[in-house]
N, C-alpha and C. Protein backbone atom coordinates (compact mmCIF):
# COMPACT_ATOMS: atom_id res chain seq x y z
N MET A 1 -59.79 -53.58 26.14
CA MET A 1 -58.84 -52.65 26.74
C MET A 1 -58.87 -52.82 28.26
N SER A 2 -57.72 -52.89 28.85
CA SER A 2 -57.63 -53.06 30.30
C SER A 2 -57.22 -51.75 30.96
N ILE A 3 -57.39 -51.70 32.27
CA ILE A 3 -57.12 -50.50 33.04
C ILE A 3 -55.97 -50.78 34.01
N ALA A 4 -54.96 -49.94 34.01
CA ALA A 4 -53.83 -50.09 34.91
C ALA A 4 -54.31 -50.06 36.36
N SER A 5 -53.71 -50.88 37.20
CA SER A 5 -53.99 -51.01 38.63
C SER A 5 -55.37 -51.60 38.94
N GLN A 6 -56.12 -51.98 37.94
CA GLN A 6 -57.44 -52.57 38.13
C GLN A 6 -57.29 -54.02 38.60
N ILE A 7 -58.22 -54.48 39.43
CA ILE A 7 -58.27 -55.88 39.84
C ILE A 7 -59.22 -56.62 38.92
N TYR A 8 -58.76 -57.74 38.39
CA TYR A 8 -59.55 -58.56 37.47
C TYR A 8 -59.66 -59.99 38.01
N LEU A 9 -60.82 -60.58 37.78
CA LEU A 9 -60.99 -62.01 37.96
C LEU A 9 -60.96 -62.61 36.56
N ILE A 10 -59.99 -63.47 36.34
CA ILE A 10 -59.77 -64.05 35.01
C ILE A 10 -60.04 -65.55 35.07
N THR A 11 -60.71 -66.04 34.05
CA THR A 11 -60.91 -67.48 33.88
C THR A 11 -60.45 -67.85 32.49
N THR A 12 -59.65 -68.88 32.40
CA THR A 12 -59.21 -69.39 31.10
C THR A 12 -59.19 -70.91 31.16
N VAL A 13 -59.46 -71.55 30.03
CA VAL A 13 -59.60 -73.01 30.01
C VAL A 13 -58.60 -73.65 29.05
N THR A 14 -58.31 -74.90 29.32
CA THR A 14 -57.42 -75.65 28.45
C THR A 14 -58.12 -75.99 27.14
N HIS A 15 -57.32 -76.27 26.13
CA HIS A 15 -57.84 -76.62 24.81
C HIS A 15 -58.71 -77.88 24.92
N LYS A 16 -59.91 -77.78 24.43
CA LYS A 16 -60.90 -78.87 24.48
C LYS A 16 -61.14 -79.35 25.91
N ARG A 17 -60.89 -78.48 26.87
CA ARG A 17 -61.09 -78.75 28.30
C ARG A 17 -60.37 -80.02 28.76
N LYS A 18 -59.22 -80.26 28.17
CA LYS A 18 -58.42 -81.41 28.58
C LYS A 18 -57.94 -81.20 30.01
N PRO A 19 -58.10 -82.19 30.90
CA PRO A 19 -57.76 -82.02 32.32
C PRO A 19 -56.25 -82.12 32.61
N VAL A 20 -55.50 -81.26 31.99
CA VAL A 20 -54.04 -81.28 32.10
C VAL A 20 -53.59 -81.13 33.55
N PHE A 21 -54.32 -80.33 34.32
CA PHE A 21 -53.87 -79.99 35.67
C PHE A 21 -54.34 -80.98 36.73
N ARG A 22 -54.81 -82.14 36.29
CA ARG A 22 -54.96 -83.25 37.24
C ARG A 22 -53.59 -83.69 37.70
N ASP A 23 -52.61 -83.43 36.85
CA ASP A 23 -51.22 -83.71 37.18
C ASP A 23 -50.69 -82.56 38.03
N LEU A 24 -50.32 -82.83 39.26
CA LEU A 24 -49.87 -81.81 40.19
C LEU A 24 -48.67 -81.04 39.65
N TYR A 25 -47.75 -81.74 39.00
CA TYR A 25 -46.56 -81.07 38.48
C TYR A 25 -46.93 -80.05 37.40
N ALA A 26 -47.86 -80.40 36.53
CA ALA A 26 -48.32 -79.45 35.51
C ALA A 26 -48.95 -78.23 36.17
N GLY A 27 -49.73 -78.47 37.21
CA GLY A 27 -50.35 -77.36 37.93
C GLY A 27 -49.31 -76.45 38.58
N ARG A 28 -48.25 -77.03 39.08
CA ARG A 28 -47.20 -76.23 39.71
C ARG A 28 -46.43 -75.41 38.68
N ILE A 29 -46.30 -75.93 37.48
CA ILE A 29 -45.69 -75.15 36.41
C ILE A 29 -46.55 -73.92 36.11
N LEU A 30 -47.86 -74.11 36.04
CA LEU A 30 -48.75 -72.97 35.82
C LEU A 30 -48.68 -72.00 36.99
N ALA A 31 -48.68 -72.50 38.22
CA ALA A 31 -48.60 -71.62 39.40
C ALA A 31 -47.33 -70.77 39.34
N LYS A 32 -46.24 -71.37 38.94
CA LYS A 32 -44.98 -70.62 38.82
C LYS A 32 -45.10 -69.54 37.75
N ALA A 33 -45.78 -69.86 36.66
CA ALA A 33 -45.96 -68.87 35.59
C ALA A 33 -46.79 -67.67 36.06
N LEU A 34 -47.70 -67.90 37.01
CA LEU A 34 -48.53 -66.80 37.52
C LEU A 34 -47.72 -65.80 38.34
N HIS A 35 -46.55 -66.21 38.77
CA HIS A 35 -45.68 -65.35 39.57
C HIS A 35 -44.42 -64.95 38.81
N GLY A 36 -44.46 -65.08 37.49
CA GLY A 36 -43.28 -64.80 36.68
C GLY A 36 -42.78 -63.37 36.84
N PRO A 37 -41.46 -63.19 36.79
CA PRO A 37 -40.88 -61.86 37.00
C PRO A 37 -41.25 -60.84 35.92
N ARG A 38 -41.62 -61.29 34.75
CA ARG A 38 -41.96 -60.38 33.66
C ARG A 38 -43.43 -59.95 33.69
N LEU A 39 -44.18 -60.39 34.68
CA LEU A 39 -45.62 -60.12 34.67
C LEU A 39 -45.98 -58.75 35.26
N GLU A 40 -45.24 -58.28 36.24
CA GLU A 40 -45.48 -56.95 36.80
C GLU A 40 -46.92 -56.79 37.30
N VAL A 41 -47.43 -57.81 37.99
CA VAL A 41 -48.79 -57.79 38.53
C VAL A 41 -48.75 -58.31 39.97
N ALA A 42 -49.84 -58.12 40.67
CA ALA A 42 -49.99 -58.67 42.02
C ALA A 42 -51.03 -59.78 41.97
N THR A 43 -50.59 -61.01 42.17
CA THR A 43 -51.52 -62.13 42.24
C THR A 43 -52.16 -62.11 43.62
N LEU A 44 -53.48 -61.96 43.66
CA LEU A 44 -54.19 -61.93 44.94
C LEU A 44 -54.61 -63.34 45.34
N CYS A 45 -55.08 -64.11 44.39
CA CYS A 45 -55.36 -65.53 44.64
C CYS A 45 -55.54 -66.23 43.30
N TYR A 46 -55.48 -67.54 43.36
CA TYR A 46 -55.76 -68.36 42.18
C TYR A 46 -56.17 -69.73 42.64
N VAL A 47 -56.87 -70.42 41.75
CA VAL A 47 -57.10 -71.85 41.91
C VAL A 47 -56.96 -72.47 40.53
N ILE A 48 -56.19 -73.54 40.46
CA ILE A 48 -55.97 -74.25 39.21
C ILE A 48 -56.81 -75.52 39.26
N MET A 49 -57.85 -75.53 38.47
CA MET A 49 -58.74 -76.68 38.38
C MET A 49 -58.19 -77.63 37.31
N PRO A 50 -58.70 -78.86 37.22
CA PRO A 50 -58.14 -79.81 36.24
C PRO A 50 -58.09 -79.28 34.81
N ASP A 51 -59.08 -78.48 34.41
CA ASP A 51 -59.11 -78.01 33.02
C ASP A 51 -59.25 -76.49 32.87
N HIS A 52 -59.05 -75.76 33.95
CA HIS A 52 -59.12 -74.30 33.84
C HIS A 52 -58.47 -73.60 35.02
N LEU A 53 -58.33 -72.31 34.88
CA LEU A 53 -57.69 -71.46 35.88
C LEU A 53 -58.62 -70.32 36.24
N HIS A 54 -58.73 -70.04 37.54
CA HIS A 54 -59.37 -68.82 38.04
C HIS A 54 -58.26 -68.03 38.72
N TRP A 55 -58.14 -66.75 38.36
CA TRP A 55 -57.02 -65.94 38.84
C TRP A 55 -57.51 -64.54 39.18
N LEU A 56 -57.33 -64.14 40.42
CA LEU A 56 -57.66 -62.79 40.86
C LEU A 56 -56.35 -62.02 40.91
N VAL A 57 -56.23 -61.01 40.07
CA VAL A 57 -54.95 -60.35 39.87
C VAL A 57 -55.15 -58.84 39.74
N GLN A 58 -54.19 -58.09 40.26
CA GLN A 58 -54.21 -56.64 40.09
C GLN A 58 -53.11 -56.28 39.10
N LEU A 59 -53.52 -55.61 38.04
CA LEU A 59 -52.55 -55.21 37.02
C LEU A 59 -51.60 -54.15 37.55
N GLY A 60 -50.43 -54.10 36.95
CA GLY A 60 -49.50 -53.01 37.21
C GLY A 60 -49.82 -51.85 36.29
N ASP A 61 -48.86 -51.00 36.09
CA ASP A 61 -49.09 -49.81 35.26
C ASP A 61 -48.75 -50.02 33.80
N ASP A 62 -47.91 -51.00 33.48
CA ASP A 62 -47.38 -51.09 32.12
C ASP A 62 -47.86 -52.28 31.29
N LEU A 63 -48.31 -53.35 31.93
CA LEU A 63 -48.63 -54.56 31.20
C LEU A 63 -50.14 -54.72 31.07
N PRO A 64 -50.69 -54.56 29.87
CA PRO A 64 -52.14 -54.73 29.70
C PRO A 64 -52.56 -56.19 29.85
N LEU A 65 -53.83 -56.39 30.12
CA LEU A 65 -54.38 -57.72 30.39
C LEU A 65 -54.12 -58.71 29.25
N ASP A 66 -54.30 -58.29 28.02
CA ASP A 66 -54.10 -59.22 26.91
C ASP A 66 -52.64 -59.69 26.83
N LYS A 67 -51.69 -58.82 27.09
CA LYS A 67 -50.27 -59.20 27.07
C LYS A 67 -49.94 -60.09 28.28
N LEU A 68 -50.56 -59.80 29.42
CA LEU A 68 -50.38 -60.63 30.61
C LEU A 68 -50.80 -62.06 30.30
N MET A 69 -51.99 -62.22 29.75
CA MET A 69 -52.50 -63.56 29.46
C MET A 69 -51.66 -64.25 28.40
N GLN A 70 -51.19 -63.50 27.43
CA GLN A 70 -50.32 -64.07 26.41
C GLN A 70 -49.04 -64.63 27.04
N ARG A 71 -48.46 -63.89 27.98
CA ARG A 71 -47.23 -64.34 28.64
C ARG A 71 -47.46 -65.57 29.50
N VAL A 72 -48.54 -65.56 30.27
CA VAL A 72 -48.82 -66.71 31.15
C VAL A 72 -49.11 -67.95 30.33
N LYS A 73 -49.95 -67.83 29.32
CA LYS A 73 -50.27 -68.99 28.50
C LYS A 73 -49.06 -69.49 27.73
N SER A 74 -48.26 -68.58 27.22
CA SER A 74 -47.08 -68.97 26.46
C SER A 74 -46.06 -69.68 27.35
N ALA A 75 -45.75 -69.10 28.50
CA ALA A 75 -44.75 -69.70 29.40
C ALA A 75 -45.21 -71.05 29.92
N SER A 76 -46.45 -71.12 30.41
CA SER A 76 -46.93 -72.39 30.95
C SER A 76 -47.07 -73.43 29.84
N GLY A 77 -47.59 -73.02 28.71
CA GLY A 77 -47.75 -73.96 27.59
C GLY A 77 -46.43 -74.52 27.12
N PHE A 78 -45.44 -73.67 27.01
CA PHE A 78 -44.12 -74.13 26.55
C PHE A 78 -43.56 -75.19 27.49
N HIS A 79 -43.55 -74.91 28.77
CA HIS A 79 -42.94 -75.84 29.74
C HIS A 79 -43.75 -77.13 29.91
N ILE A 80 -45.05 -77.00 29.96
CA ILE A 80 -45.89 -78.20 30.14
C ILE A 80 -45.85 -79.09 28.91
N LYS A 81 -45.96 -78.49 27.73
CA LYS A 81 -45.93 -79.29 26.51
C LYS A 81 -44.57 -79.96 26.32
N ARG A 82 -43.51 -79.27 26.70
CA ARG A 82 -42.17 -79.86 26.57
C ARG A 82 -42.01 -81.02 27.55
N GLN A 83 -42.46 -80.84 28.79
CA GLN A 83 -42.31 -81.87 29.82
C GLN A 83 -43.06 -83.16 29.44
N TRP A 84 -44.27 -83.02 28.92
CA TRP A 84 -45.10 -84.19 28.60
C TRP A 84 -45.15 -84.50 27.11
N GLN A 85 -44.37 -83.78 26.34
CA GLN A 85 -44.33 -83.96 24.88
C GLN A 85 -45.74 -83.96 24.28
N LEU A 86 -46.51 -82.95 24.66
CA LEU A 86 -47.88 -82.82 24.18
C LEU A 86 -47.90 -82.10 22.84
N PRO A 87 -48.60 -82.65 21.87
CA PRO A 87 -48.73 -81.94 20.60
C PRO A 87 -49.85 -80.90 20.68
N GLY A 88 -49.83 -79.96 19.77
CA GLY A 88 -50.93 -79.00 19.67
C GLY A 88 -50.91 -77.95 20.77
N ARG A 89 -52.08 -77.41 21.00
CA ARG A 89 -52.23 -76.30 21.93
C ARG A 89 -52.55 -76.78 23.35
N LEU A 90 -52.12 -76.02 24.32
CA LEU A 90 -52.48 -76.29 25.71
C LEU A 90 -53.74 -75.52 26.09
N TRP A 91 -53.82 -74.25 25.65
CA TRP A 91 -54.90 -73.36 26.05
C TRP A 91 -55.86 -73.07 24.92
N GLN A 92 -57.13 -72.91 25.25
CA GLN A 92 -58.08 -72.38 24.29
C GLN A 92 -57.75 -70.91 24.06
N ALA A 93 -58.12 -70.41 22.92
CA ALA A 93 -57.92 -68.99 22.64
C ALA A 93 -58.83 -68.18 23.56
N GLY A 94 -58.36 -67.02 23.94
CA GLY A 94 -59.17 -66.11 24.73
C GLY A 94 -59.24 -66.46 26.20
N TYR A 95 -60.02 -65.68 26.92
CA TYR A 95 -60.22 -65.83 28.35
C TYR A 95 -61.40 -64.95 28.73
N HIS A 96 -61.94 -65.19 29.91
CA HIS A 96 -63.02 -64.34 30.42
C HIS A 96 -62.44 -63.47 31.52
N ASP A 97 -62.75 -62.19 31.49
CA ASP A 97 -62.27 -61.31 32.56
C ASP A 97 -63.44 -60.49 33.11
N HIS A 98 -63.36 -60.24 34.40
CA HIS A 98 -64.35 -59.42 35.10
C HIS A 98 -63.57 -58.40 35.92
N ALA A 99 -63.73 -57.13 35.60
CA ALA A 99 -63.09 -56.07 36.37
C ALA A 99 -63.92 -55.86 37.64
N LEU A 100 -63.29 -55.99 38.79
CA LEU A 100 -64.02 -55.81 40.04
C LEU A 100 -64.41 -54.34 40.21
N ARG A 101 -65.63 -54.13 40.66
CA ARG A 101 -66.11 -52.78 40.94
C ARG A 101 -65.59 -52.35 42.30
N LYS A 102 -65.61 -51.08 42.54
CA LYS A 102 -65.13 -50.53 43.83
C LYS A 102 -65.92 -51.09 45.00
N ASP A 103 -67.21 -51.41 44.79
CA ASP A 103 -68.05 -51.87 45.90
C ASP A 103 -67.98 -53.39 46.11
N GLU A 104 -67.24 -54.11 45.27
CA GLU A 104 -67.11 -55.55 45.45
C GLU A 104 -66.06 -55.85 46.52
N ASP A 105 -66.38 -56.79 47.39
CA ASP A 105 -65.48 -57.19 48.46
C ASP A 105 -64.46 -58.18 47.89
N ILE A 106 -63.22 -57.75 47.83
CA ILE A 106 -62.16 -58.55 47.22
C ILE A 106 -61.99 -59.88 47.94
N LYS A 107 -62.02 -59.87 49.25
CA LYS A 107 -61.83 -61.12 50.00
C LYS A 107 -62.98 -62.10 49.78
N SER A 108 -64.19 -61.59 49.60
CA SER A 108 -65.33 -62.48 49.30
C SER A 108 -65.15 -63.12 47.93
N VAL A 109 -64.68 -62.34 46.97
CA VAL A 109 -64.41 -62.89 45.64
C VAL A 109 -63.31 -63.95 45.73
N ALA A 110 -62.28 -63.66 46.51
CA ALA A 110 -61.18 -64.62 46.67
C ALA A 110 -61.67 -65.91 47.31
N ARG A 111 -62.51 -65.80 48.34
CA ARG A 111 -63.05 -67.01 48.99
C ARG A 111 -63.87 -67.83 47.98
N TYR A 112 -64.64 -67.15 47.15
CA TYR A 112 -65.42 -67.83 46.12
C TYR A 112 -64.49 -68.57 45.16
N VAL A 113 -63.42 -67.90 44.75
CA VAL A 113 -62.46 -68.50 43.81
C VAL A 113 -61.84 -69.76 44.39
N ILE A 114 -61.31 -69.65 45.61
CA ILE A 114 -60.58 -70.81 46.14
C ILE A 114 -61.51 -71.93 46.60
N ALA A 115 -62.80 -71.67 46.68
CA ALA A 115 -63.76 -72.72 47.04
C ALA A 115 -64.21 -73.54 45.83
N ASN A 116 -63.72 -73.23 44.66
CA ASN A 116 -64.10 -73.98 43.46
C ASN A 116 -63.90 -75.48 43.58
N PRO A 117 -62.78 -75.96 44.12
CA PRO A 117 -62.62 -77.42 44.25
C PRO A 117 -63.67 -78.05 45.15
N LEU A 118 -64.15 -77.32 46.15
CA LEU A 118 -65.23 -77.83 47.01
C LEU A 118 -66.52 -77.97 46.20
N ARG A 119 -66.87 -76.91 45.48
CA ARG A 119 -68.11 -76.93 44.69
C ARG A 119 -68.07 -78.00 43.59
N ALA A 120 -66.86 -78.26 43.09
CA ALA A 120 -66.71 -79.28 42.04
C ALA A 120 -66.66 -80.70 42.60
N GLY A 121 -66.64 -80.82 43.92
CA GLY A 121 -66.59 -82.14 44.54
C GLY A 121 -65.23 -82.81 44.49
N LEU A 122 -64.17 -82.02 44.28
CA LEU A 122 -62.83 -82.60 44.19
C LEU A 122 -62.23 -82.88 45.57
N VAL A 123 -62.65 -82.12 46.58
CA VAL A 123 -62.16 -82.29 47.95
C VAL A 123 -63.28 -81.96 48.92
N ASP A 124 -63.08 -82.34 50.17
CA ASP A 124 -64.04 -82.01 51.22
C ASP A 124 -63.67 -80.73 51.97
N ARG A 125 -62.38 -80.37 51.90
CA ARG A 125 -61.90 -79.14 52.55
C ARG A 125 -60.95 -78.44 51.60
N VAL A 126 -61.00 -77.11 51.57
CA VAL A 126 -60.11 -76.35 50.69
C VAL A 126 -58.66 -76.71 50.94
N GLY A 127 -58.28 -76.89 52.20
CA GLY A 127 -56.91 -77.21 52.54
C GLY A 127 -56.41 -78.52 51.97
N ASP A 128 -57.33 -79.37 51.52
CA ASP A 128 -56.94 -80.64 50.93
C ASP A 128 -56.59 -80.52 49.45
N TYR A 129 -56.85 -79.35 48.86
CA TYR A 129 -56.57 -79.13 47.44
C TYR A 129 -55.22 -78.43 47.33
N ALA A 130 -54.35 -78.94 46.49
CA ALA A 130 -52.97 -78.45 46.44
C ALA A 130 -52.76 -77.22 45.55
N LEU A 131 -53.63 -76.98 44.60
CA LEU A 131 -53.33 -75.98 43.58
C LEU A 131 -54.13 -74.68 43.76
N TRP A 132 -53.88 -74.02 44.88
CA TRP A 132 -54.48 -72.71 45.11
C TRP A 132 -53.57 -71.92 46.05
N ASP A 133 -53.77 -70.62 46.03
CA ASP A 133 -53.03 -69.75 46.95
C ASP A 133 -53.76 -68.43 47.04
N ALA A 134 -53.53 -67.72 48.14
CA ALA A 134 -54.12 -66.40 48.36
C ALA A 134 -53.17 -65.58 49.21
N VAL A 135 -53.09 -64.30 48.96
CA VAL A 135 -52.17 -63.43 49.69
C VAL A 135 -52.57 -63.25 51.14
N TRP A 136 -53.79 -63.60 51.51
CA TRP A 136 -54.28 -63.37 52.86
C TRP A 136 -53.93 -64.50 53.81
N LEU A 137 -53.16 -65.47 53.39
CA LEU A 137 -52.78 -66.58 54.27
C LEU A 137 -51.69 -66.16 55.23
């Protein structure tokens, strides 16, 4: 059960951890899905890694977390699978969510999220990685 207006850090992975988002275009399709008009949420930041997504998001009042994730996975999966004619599933079932506590510093969590490509050794500077965004820019 999710809580309206709550901020969540969500992590979800591709099916069998296939690195679909090594392809920049696929990553941009997912990024667009995170800002979809039917989501009714505030995206605070995200980073799209080759085989998973980290997303810091504040829910609205009407769309629960499970429905949000269903919409994002469905929209991104449909467009990516159609573009590359991929059979089967794009996403693993489920996701991990962490509701931020009142005492957690949102900007520190966001910095941790967007630094994932650095920790993974994909780039030397965050600015060199194309698939991330944060509202504080």
